[in-house]
Amino acid sequence: MGRGIRRQGPALVVAIAALVAALGGSVYAATKIDGHSVKVGSLPGNRLVSRSLPANRLAPGTIPANRLAPGSLTGKQVDAATLGQVPSAVHADQADSAREAGNARFATAAGNAASVNGHVAGCAPGTRAFAGACWEVSFSQASATAPMAARACAERGGELPDALALLVFAQQPGIGIAAEGEWSGDVSTFAGPNVYGVTTVTPAGKIDSAPQTDDLNYRCVYPVLG
C-alpha cells in the first residue's frame, strides 16, 4: 500500500500543480481584466451584464432612442438644443402671438379711451372719444345725399351724429366742419313722402336745414370698443 502511494506521488503532484496553475490564472483574469483590457468592438452587447456599463462610457449616438428603457433617461441628461419644438409649444406660441396682437389693438384703443357708465373703452385710429362714443375726426372726402350718408355710416357700423352733439364736437381742438356744412341724423321738416329737410351744422357753428337730396359732407359716430 505505501509503495503504491509513493509510485503515484509524482503524477499526483503534477496534477495538483496543474490545478493550482489553472485556478491561479482564473483568479488573475478575474482580478486583472477590466474595461481598459478589452479591445474596442471585441465584446458584443449581449455579453454585458445589465447595469454593468455606466452611461458616461458610451459614445454619443451609439444607442438608438427605441432601445432605451422607459424612465432610463432623465431631463438632466438631455441636451435641450437638440430637441425640436413640440406641437403643443407651437400652439402656445400662436396663442401668445394672438394675445399680443389683441393687447396691441387694445393698447391703441386705450390711448384714445372713453368712459362709459364707469367702464373704460377705446376708439379706433382716426376717431376720437366724445360724448360716450367714437367720432370720426375728419369729415367724409366725398359728399352725398342725407339718405346715402346715413347708409354709408350704417355699413361701417356707425350712424350720423345728433345735430347738437355735432355742433359741440366741432368746437373741439383740431375739428372743423366742411365748407358747405355737414349732415346730422335729425329730420327737421317733413312735407310728404320722401320730401323732408335734414338738420345740418355749418362752419360758422350754426344749426341749419337742407333738403335731403342735397349733397353734403358728413362724419360717422361709432360705438366705443370694449
C-alpha atoms as a PDB file:
ATOM      1  CA  MET A   1       0.000   0.000   0.000  1.00  0.00           C
ATOM      2  CA  GLY A   2       2.721   2.507   0.907  1.00  0.00           C
ATOM      3  CA  ARG A   3       4.689   1.675  -2.220  1.00  0.00           C
ATOM      4  CA  GLY A   4       1.575   2.389  -4.396  1.00  0.00           C
ATOM      5  CA  ILE A   5       1.172   5.773  -2.892  1.00  0.00           C
ATOM      6  CA  ARG A   6       4.842   6.540  -3.353  1.00  0.00           C
ATOM      7  CA  ARG A   7       4.697   5.446  -7.019  1.00  0.00           C
ATOM      8  CA  GLN A   8       1.681   7.652  -7.703  1.00  0.00           C
ATOM      9  CA  GLY A   9       3.186  10.635  -5.901  1.00  0.00           C
ATOM     10  CA  PRO A  10       4.815  12.344  -8.893  1.00  0.00           C
ATOM     11  CA  ALA A  11       1.645  12.121 -11.002  1.00  0.00           C
ATOM     12  CA  LEU A  12      -0.433  13.475  -8.200  1.00  0.00           C
ATOM     13  CA  VAL A  13       1.999  16.309  -7.668  1.00  0.00           C
ATOM     14  CA  VAL A  14       1.812  17.235 -11.354  1.00  0.00           C
ATOM     15  CA  ALA A  15      -2.000  17.172 -11.311  1.00  0.00           C
ATOM     16  CA  ILE A  16      -2.155  19.361  -8.249  1.00  0.00           C
ATOM     17  CA  ALA A  17       0.314  21.792  -9.792  1.00  0.00           C
ATOM     18  CA  ALA A  18      -1.783  21.981 -12.931  1.00  0.00           C
ATOM     19  CA  LEU A  19      -4.934  22.619 -10.881  1.00  0.00           C
ATOM     20  CA  VAL A  20      -3.242  25.366  -8.910  1.00  0.00           C
ATOM     21  CA  ALA A  21      -1.989  26.979 -12.110  1.00  0.00           C
ATOM     22  CA  ALA A  22      -5.460  26.873 -13.633  1.00  0.00           C
ATOM     23  CA  LEU A  23      -7.079  28.354 -10.568  1.00  0.00           C
ATOM     24  CA  GLY A  24      -4.404  30.988 -10.309  1.00  0.00           C
ATOM     25  CA  GLY A  25      -4.944  32.006 -13.938  1.00  0.00           C
ATOM     26  CA  SER A  26      -8.696  32.327 -13.342  1.00  0.00           C
ATOM     27  CA  VAL A  27      -8.125  34.483 -10.305  1.00  0.00           C
ATOM     28  CA  TYR A  28      -5.635  36.613 -12.240  1.00  0.00           C
ATOM     29  CA  ALA A  29      -8.072  37.018 -15.099  1.00  0.00           C
ATOM     30  CA  ALA A  30     -10.896  37.915 -12.710  1.00  0.00           C
ATOM     31  CA  THR A  31      -8.849  40.499 -10.919  1.00  0.00           C
ATOM     32  CA  LYS A  32      -6.718  41.939 -13.698  1.00  0.00           C
ATOM     33  CA  ILE A  33      -9.116  42.235 -16.709  1.00  0.00           C
ATOM     34  CA  ASP A  34     -11.083  45.474 -16.809  1.00  0.00           C
ATOM     35  CA  GLY A  35     -12.538  47.809 -19.433  1.00  0.00           C
ATOM     36  CA  HIS A  36      -9.112  49.019 -20.460  1.00  0.00           C
ATOM     37  CA  SER A  37      -8.071  45.436 -21.269  1.00  0.00           C
ATOM     38  CA  VAL A  38     -10.983  44.833 -23.687  1.00  0.00           C
ATOM     39  CA  LYS A  39     -10.322  45.567 -27.342  1.00  0.00           C
ATOM     40  CA  VAL A  40     -12.745  48.018 -28.969  1.00  0.00           C
ATOM     41  CA  GLY A  41     -15.548  46.149 -30.739  1.00  0.00           C
ATOM     42  CA  SER A  42     -14.499  42.734 -29.390  1.00  0.00           C
ATOM     43  CA  LEU A  43     -17.334  42.396 -26.842  1.00  0.00           C
ATOM     44  CA  PRO A  44     -20.945  42.073 -28.131  1.00  0.00           C
ATOM     45  CA  GLY A  45     -23.683  43.865 -26.241  1.00  0.00           C
ATOM     46  CA  ASN A  46     -25.496  40.656 -25.319  1.00  0.00           C
ATOM     47  CA  ARG A  47     -22.474  39.562 -23.236  1.00  0.00           C
ATOM     48  CA  LEU A  48     -22.744  42.572 -20.912  1.00  0.00           C
ATOM     49  CA  VAL A  49     -24.374  42.210 -17.535  1.00  0.00           C
ATOM     50  CA  SER A  50     -27.313  44.587 -17.036  1.00  0.00           C
ATOM     51  CA  ARG A  51     -26.223  47.935 -15.478  1.00  0.00           C
ATOM     52  CA  SER A  52     -22.550  46.950 -15.687  1.00  0.00           C
ATOM     53  CA  LEU A  53     -21.686  49.780 -18.107  1.00  0.00           C
ATOM     54  CA  PRO A  54     -22.185  53.419 -16.989  1.00  0.00           C
ATOM     55  CA  ALA A  55     -23.696  55.859 -19.470  1.00  0.00           C
ATOM     56  CA  ASN A  56     -20.632  58.092 -19.465  1.00  0.00           C
ATOM     57  CA  ARG A  57     -18.633  55.304 -21.141  1.00  0.00           C
ATOM     58  CA  LEU A  58     -20.909  55.327 -24.219  1.00  0.00           C
ATOM     59  CA  ALA A  59     -20.116  57.361 -27.308  1.00  0.00           C
ATOM     60  CA  PRO A  60     -22.891  59.796 -28.404  1.00  0.00           C
ATOM     61  CA  GLY A  61     -25.339  58.185 -30.819  1.00  0.00           C
ATOM     62  CA  THR A  62     -24.365  54.581 -30.044  1.00  0.00           C
ATOM     63  CA  ILE A  63     -27.780  53.679 -28.633  1.00  0.00           C
ATOM     64  CA  PRO A  64     -30.927  54.482 -30.707  1.00  0.00           C
ATOM     65  CA  ALA A  65     -33.888  56.008 -28.870  1.00  0.00           C
ATOM     66  CA  ASN A  66     -36.089  52.936 -29.441  1.00  0.00           C
ATOM     67  CA  ARG A  67     -33.643  50.796 -27.442  1.00  0.00           C
ATOM     68  CA  LEU A  68     -33.887  52.911 -24.283  1.00  0.00           C
ATOM     69  CA  ALA A  69     -35.956  51.545 -21.428  1.00  0.00           C
ATOM     70  CA  PRO A  70     -38.814  53.814 -20.241  1.00  0.00           C
ATOM     71  CA  GLY A  71     -37.587  56.122 -17.483  1.00  0.00           C
ATOM     72  CA  SER A  72     -33.924  55.358 -18.120  1.00  0.00           C
ATOM     73  CA  LEU A  73     -33.188  58.888 -19.392  1.00  0.00           C
ATOM     74  CA  THR A  74     -33.853  61.982 -17.298  1.00  0.00           C
ATOM     75  CA  GLY A  75     -34.174  65.600 -18.357  1.00  0.00           C
ATOM     76  CA  LYS A  76     -30.755  66.440 -16.939  1.00  0.00           C
ATOM     77  CA  GLN A  77     -29.141  64.073 -19.451  1.00  0.00           C
ATOM     78  CA  VAL A  78     -30.849  65.622 -22.495  1.00  0.00           C
ATOM     79  CA  ASP A  79     -29.291  68.454 -24.479  1.00  0.00           C
ATOM     80  CA  ALA A  80     -32.264  70.803 -24.984  1.00  0.00           C
ATOM     81  CA  ALA A  81     -30.631  72.329 -28.065  1.00  0.00           C
ATOM     82  CA  THR A  82     -31.001  69.011 -29.910  1.00  0.00           C
ATOM     83  CA  LEU A  83     -34.771  68.873 -29.436  1.00  0.00           C
ATOM     84  CA  GLY A  84     -37.286  70.290 -31.918  1.00  0.00           C
ATOM     85  CA  GLN A  85     -40.392  72.199 -30.905  1.00  0.00           C
ATOM     86  CA  VAL A  86     -43.270  70.006 -29.789  1.00  0.00           C
ATOM     87  CA  PRO A  87     -46.733  70.679 -31.348  1.00  0.00           C
ATOM     88  CA  SER A  88     -48.180  71.989 -28.100  1.00  0.00           C
ATOM     89  CA  ALA A  89     -45.401  74.578 -27.898  1.00  0.00           C
ATOM     90  CA  VAL A  90     -46.207  75.710 -31.445  1.00  0.00           C
ATOM     91  CA  HIS A  91     -49.839  76.209 -30.433  1.00  0.00           C
ATOM     92  CA  ALA A  92     -48.678  78.052 -27.325  1.00  0.00           C
ATOM     93  CA  ASP A  93     -46.578  80.409 -29.460  1.00  0.00           C
ATOM     94  CA  GLN A  94     -49.555  81.016 -31.717  1.00  0.00           C
ATOM     95  CA  ALA A  95     -51.708  81.720 -28.691  1.00  0.00           C
ATOM     96  CA  ASP A  96     -49.106  84.159 -27.380  1.00  0.00           C
ATOM     97  CA  SER A  97     -48.964  85.893 -30.750  1.00  0.00           C
ATOM     98  CA  ALA A  98     -52.739  86.204 -30.861  1.00  0.00           C
ATOM     99  CA  ARG A  99     -52.811  87.529 -27.309  1.00  0.00           C
ATOM    100  CA  GLU A 100     -50.058  90.046 -28.085  1.00  0.00           C
ATOM    101  CA  ALA A 101     -51.931  91.206 -31.186  1.00  0.00           C
ATOM    102  CA  GLY A 102     -55.076  91.627 -29.102  1.00  0.00           C
ATOM    103  CA  ASN A 103     -53.133  93.549 -26.486  1.00  0.00           C
ATOM    104  CA  ALA A 104     -51.654  95.779 -29.194  1.00  0.00           C
ATOM    105  CA  ARG A 105     -55.117  96.599 -30.543  1.00  0.00           C
ATOM    106  CA  PHE A 106     -56.354  97.267 -27.042  1.00  0.00           C
ATOM    107  CA  ALA A 107     -53.351  99.480 -26.335  1.00  0.00           C
ATOM    108  CA  THR A 108     -54.107 101.510 -29.476  1.00  0.00           C
ATOM    109  CA  ALA A 109     -57.701 101.870 -28.419  1.00  0.00           C
ATOM    110  CA  ALA A 110     -56.776 102.609 -24.814  1.00  0.00           C
ATOM    111  CA  GLY A 111     -54.686 105.533 -25.999  1.00  0.00           C
ATOM    112  CA  ASN A 112     -57.971 107.083 -27.176  1.00  0.00           C
ATOM    113  CA  ALA A 113     -60.114 105.910 -24.281  1.00  0.00           C
ATOM    114  CA  ALA A 114     -63.594 106.942 -23.192  1.00  0.00           C
ATOM    115  CA  SER A 115     -65.513 106.262 -20.004  1.00  0.00           C
ATOM    116  CA  VAL A 116     -68.981 104.813 -20.448  1.00  0.00           C
ATOM    117  CA  ASN A 117     -71.090 104.135 -17.344  1.00  0.00           C
ATOM    118  CA  GLY A 118     -67.946 103.770 -15.270  1.00  0.00           C
ATOM    119  CA  HIS A 119     -66.261 101.399 -17.758  1.00  0.00           C
ATOM    120  CA  VAL A 120     -63.218 102.392 -19.798  1.00  0.00           C
ATOM    121  CA  ALA A 121     -63.356 101.646 -23.522  1.00  0.00           C
ATOM    122  CA  GLY A 122     -61.358 102.791 -26.525  1.00  0.00           C
ATOM    123  CA  CYS A 123     -61.764 104.162 -30.038  1.00  0.00           C
ATOM    124  CA  ALA A 124     -60.138 103.053 -33.268  1.00  0.00           C
ATOM    125  CA  PRO A 125     -57.492 105.173 -35.021  1.00  0.00           C
ATOM    126  CA  GLY A 126     -58.992 108.091 -36.935  1.00  0.00           C
ATOM    127  CA  THR A 127     -61.718 108.576 -34.337  1.00  0.00           C
ATOM    128  CA  ARG A 128     -61.922 110.484 -31.081  1.00  0.00           C
ATOM    129  CA  ALA A 129     -63.715 109.597 -27.882  1.00  0.00           C
ATOM    130  CA  PHE A 130     -66.520 112.115 -27.297  1.00  0.00           C
ATOM    131  CA  ALA A 131     -69.889 112.002 -25.532  1.00  0.00           C
ATOM    132  CA  GLY A 132     -69.609 108.265 -24.849  1.00  0.00           C
ATOM    133  CA  ALA A 133     -68.946 107.340 -28.488  1.00  0.00           C
ATOM    134  CA  CYS A 134     -66.175 107.366 -31.112  1.00  0.00           C
ATOM    135  CA  TRP A 135     -66.405 110.237 -33.574  1.00  0.00           C
ATOM    136  CA  GLU A 136     -64.575 110.500 -36.889  1.00  0.00           C
ATOM    137  CA  VAL A 137     -62.046 113.309 -36.626  1.00  0.00           C
ATOM    138  CA  SER A 138     -62.328 114.214 -40.322  1.00  0.00           C
ATOM    139  CA  PHE A 139     -65.479 114.538 -42.391  1.00  0.00           C
ATOM    140  CA  SER A 140     -66.002 112.409 -45.495  1.00  0.00           C
ATOM    141  CA  GLN A 141     -63.925 113.184 -48.581  1.00  0.00           C
ATOM    142  CA  ALA A 142     -66.981 112.815 -50.842  1.00  0.00           C
ATOM    143  CA  SER A 143     -70.379 114.442 -50.389  1.00  0.00           C
ATOM    144  CA  ALA A 144     -73.680 112.560 -50.561  1.00  0.00           C
ATOM    145  CA  THR A 145     -77.400 112.982 -50.038  1.00  0.00           C
ATOM    146  CA  ALA A 146     -78.637 112.587 -46.472  1.00  0.00           C
ATOM    147  CA  PRO A 147     -80.017 109.031 -47.017  1.00  0.00           C
ATOM    148  CA  MET A 148     -76.793 107.919 -48.732  1.00  0.00           C
ATOM    149  CA  ALA A 149     -74.689 109.425 -45.938  1.00  0.00           C
ATOM    150  CA  ALA A 150     -76.784 107.600 -43.329  1.00  0.00           C
ATOM    151  CA  ARG A 151     -76.394 104.367 -45.294  1.00  0.00           C
ATOM    152  CA  ALA A 152     -72.599 104.754 -45.576  1.00  0.00           C
ATOM    153  CA  CYS A 153     -72.276 105.198 -41.814  1.00  0.00           C
ATOM    154  CA  ALA A 154     -74.556 102.225 -41.127  1.00  0.00           C
ATOM    155  CA  GLU A 155     -72.483  99.974 -43.416  1.00  0.00           C
ATOM    156  CA  ARG A 156     -69.385 100.870 -41.370  1.00  0.00           C
ATOM    157  CA  GLY A 157     -71.134 100.115 -38.088  1.00  0.00           C
ATOM    158  CA  GLY A 158     -71.971 103.720 -37.170  1.00  0.00           C
ATOM    159  CA  GLU A 159     -74.563 106.435 -37.696  1.00  0.00           C
ATOM    160  CA  LEU A 160     -74.901 110.135 -38.412  1.00  0.00           C
ATOM    161  CA  PRO A 161     -74.472 112.251 -35.265  1.00  0.00           C
ATOM    162  CA  ASP A 162     -77.105 114.223 -33.434  1.00  0.00           C
ATOM    163  CA  ALA A 163     -77.146 117.874 -34.578  1.00  0.00           C
ATOM    164  CA  LEU A 164     -76.494 119.448 -31.162  1.00  0.00           C
ATOM    165  CA  ALA A 165     -73.734 116.923 -30.375  1.00  0.00           C
ATOM    166  CA  LEU A 166     -72.127 117.639 -33.772  1.00  0.00           C
ATOM    167  CA  LEU A 167     -72.249 121.375 -33.018  1.00  0.00           C
ATOM    168  CA  VAL A 168     -70.397 120.843 -29.724  1.00  0.00           C
ATOM    169  CA  PHE A 169     -67.959 118.329 -31.215  1.00  0.00           C
ATOM    170  CA  ALA A 170     -66.997 120.899 -33.868  1.00  0.00           C
ATOM    171  CA  GLN A 171     -65.729 123.120 -31.055  1.00  0.00           C
ATOM    172  CA  GLN A 172     -63.106 120.526 -30.036  1.00  0.00           C
ATOM    173  CA  PRO A 173     -59.446 121.341 -30.851  1.00  0.00           C
ATOM    174  CA  GLY A 174     -58.447 120.255 -34.356  1.00  0.00           C
ATOM    175  CA  ILE A 175     -62.023 119.679 -35.537  1.00  0.00           C
ATOM    176  CA  GLY A 176     -63.509 121.594 -38.463  1.00  0.00           C
ATOM    177  CA  ILE A 177     -66.862 121.445 -40.229  1.00  0.00           C
ATOM    178  CA  ALA A 178     -66.971 121.034 -44.029  1.00  0.00           C
ATOM    179  CA  ALA A 179     -67.293 124.250 -46.006  1.00  0.00           C
ATOM    180  CA  GLU A 180     -70.860 123.505 -47.174  1.00  0.00           C
ATOM    181  CA  GLY A 181     -71.933 122.161 -43.807  1.00  0.00           C
ATOM    182  CA  GLU A 182     -72.418 118.557 -42.624  1.00  0.00           C
ATOM    183  CA  TRP A 183     -75.375 116.257 -42.271  1.00  0.00           C
ATOM    184  CA  SER A 184     -76.697 115.278 -38.888  1.00  0.00           C
ATOM    185  CA  GLY A 185     -79.112 112.437 -38.247  1.00  0.00           C
ATOM    186  CA  ASP A 186     -82.023 114.718 -37.369  1.00  0.00           C
ATOM    187  CA  VAL A 187     -85.015 115.285 -39.659  1.00  0.00           C
ATOM    188  CA  SER A 188     -86.072 118.920 -39.324  1.00  0.00           C
ATOM    189  CA  THR A 189     -89.139 119.144 -41.554  1.00  0.00           C
ATOM    190  CA  PHE A 190     -91.471 116.689 -43.249  1.00  0.00           C
ATOM    191  CA  ALA A 191     -93.591 117.844 -46.182  1.00  0.00           C
ATOM    192  CA  GLY A 192     -94.742 114.465 -47.530  1.00  0.00           C
ATOM    193  CA  PRO A 193     -93.497 111.055 -48.680  1.00  0.00           C
ATOM    194  CA  ASN A 194     -89.758 111.341 -49.354  1.00  0.00           C
ATOM    195  CA  VAL A 195     -89.911 115.127 -49.050  1.00  0.00           C
ATOM    196  CA  TYR A 196     -88.211 116.352 -45.897  1.00  0.00           C
ATOM    197  CA  GLY A 197     -85.419 118.512 -44.618  1.00  0.00           C
ATOM    198  CA  VAL A 198     -82.413 117.314 -42.581  1.00  0.00           C
ATOM    199  CA  THR A 199     -80.667 119.361 -39.903  1.00  0.00           C
ATOM    200  CA  THR A 200     -77.134 120.455 -40.739  1.00  0.00           C
ATOM    201  CA  VAL A 201     -74.261 122.171 -38.922  1.00  0.00           C
ATOM    202  CA  THR A 202     -72.431 124.974 -40.718  1.00  0.00           C
ATOM    203  CA  PRO A 203     -68.753 126.005 -40.459  1.00  0.00           C
ATOM    204  CA  ALA A 204     -69.912 129.136 -38.608  1.00  0.00           C
ATOM    205  CA  GLY A 205     -71.193 126.926 -35.806  1.00  0.00           C
ATOM    206  CA  LYS A 206     -74.867 127.286 -36.627  1.00  0.00           C
ATOM    207  CA  ILE A 207     -77.656 124.727 -36.960  1.00  0.00           C
ATOM    208  CA  ASP A 208     -79.486 124.875 -40.305  1.00  0.00           C
ATOM    209  CA  SER A 209     -81.560 122.657 -42.533  1.00  0.00           C
ATOM    210  CA  ALA A 210     -81.224 121.384 -46.115  1.00  0.00           C
ATOM    211  CA  PRO A 211     -83.323 119.177 -48.441  1.00  0.00           C
ATOM    212  CA  GLN A 212     -82.370 115.507 -48.102  1.00  0.00           C
ATOM    213  CA  THR A 213     -81.485 115.491 -51.809  1.00  0.00           C
ATOM    214  CA  ASP A 214     -78.623 117.971 -51.414  1.00  0.00           C
ATOM    215  CA  ASP A 215     -75.047 116.669 -51.480  1.00  0.00           C
ATOM    216  CA  LEU A 216     -73.137 117.482 -48.306  1.00  0.00           C
ATOM    217  CA  ASN A 217     -70.190 116.049 -46.418  1.00  0.00           C
ATOM    218  CA  TYR A 218     -70.743 114.010 -43.278  1.00  0.00           C
ATOM    219  CA  ARG A 219     -68.939 112.155 -40.472  1.00  0.00           C
ATOM    220  CA  CYS A 220     -69.917 108.973 -38.651  1.00  0.00           C
ATOM    221  CA  VAL A 221     -70.173 108.160 -34.974  1.00  0.00           C
ATOM    222  CA  TYR A 222     -69.377 104.620 -33.728  1.00  0.00           C
ATOM    223  CA  PRO A 223     -69.906 102.699 -30.503  1.00  0.00           C
ATOM    224  CA  VAL A 224     -66.831 102.544 -28.298  1.00  0.00           C
ATOM    225  CA  LEU A 225     -64.657  99.416 -28.474  1.00  0.00           C
ATOM    226  CA  GLY A 226     -64.894  97.092 -25.496  1.00  0.00           C
END
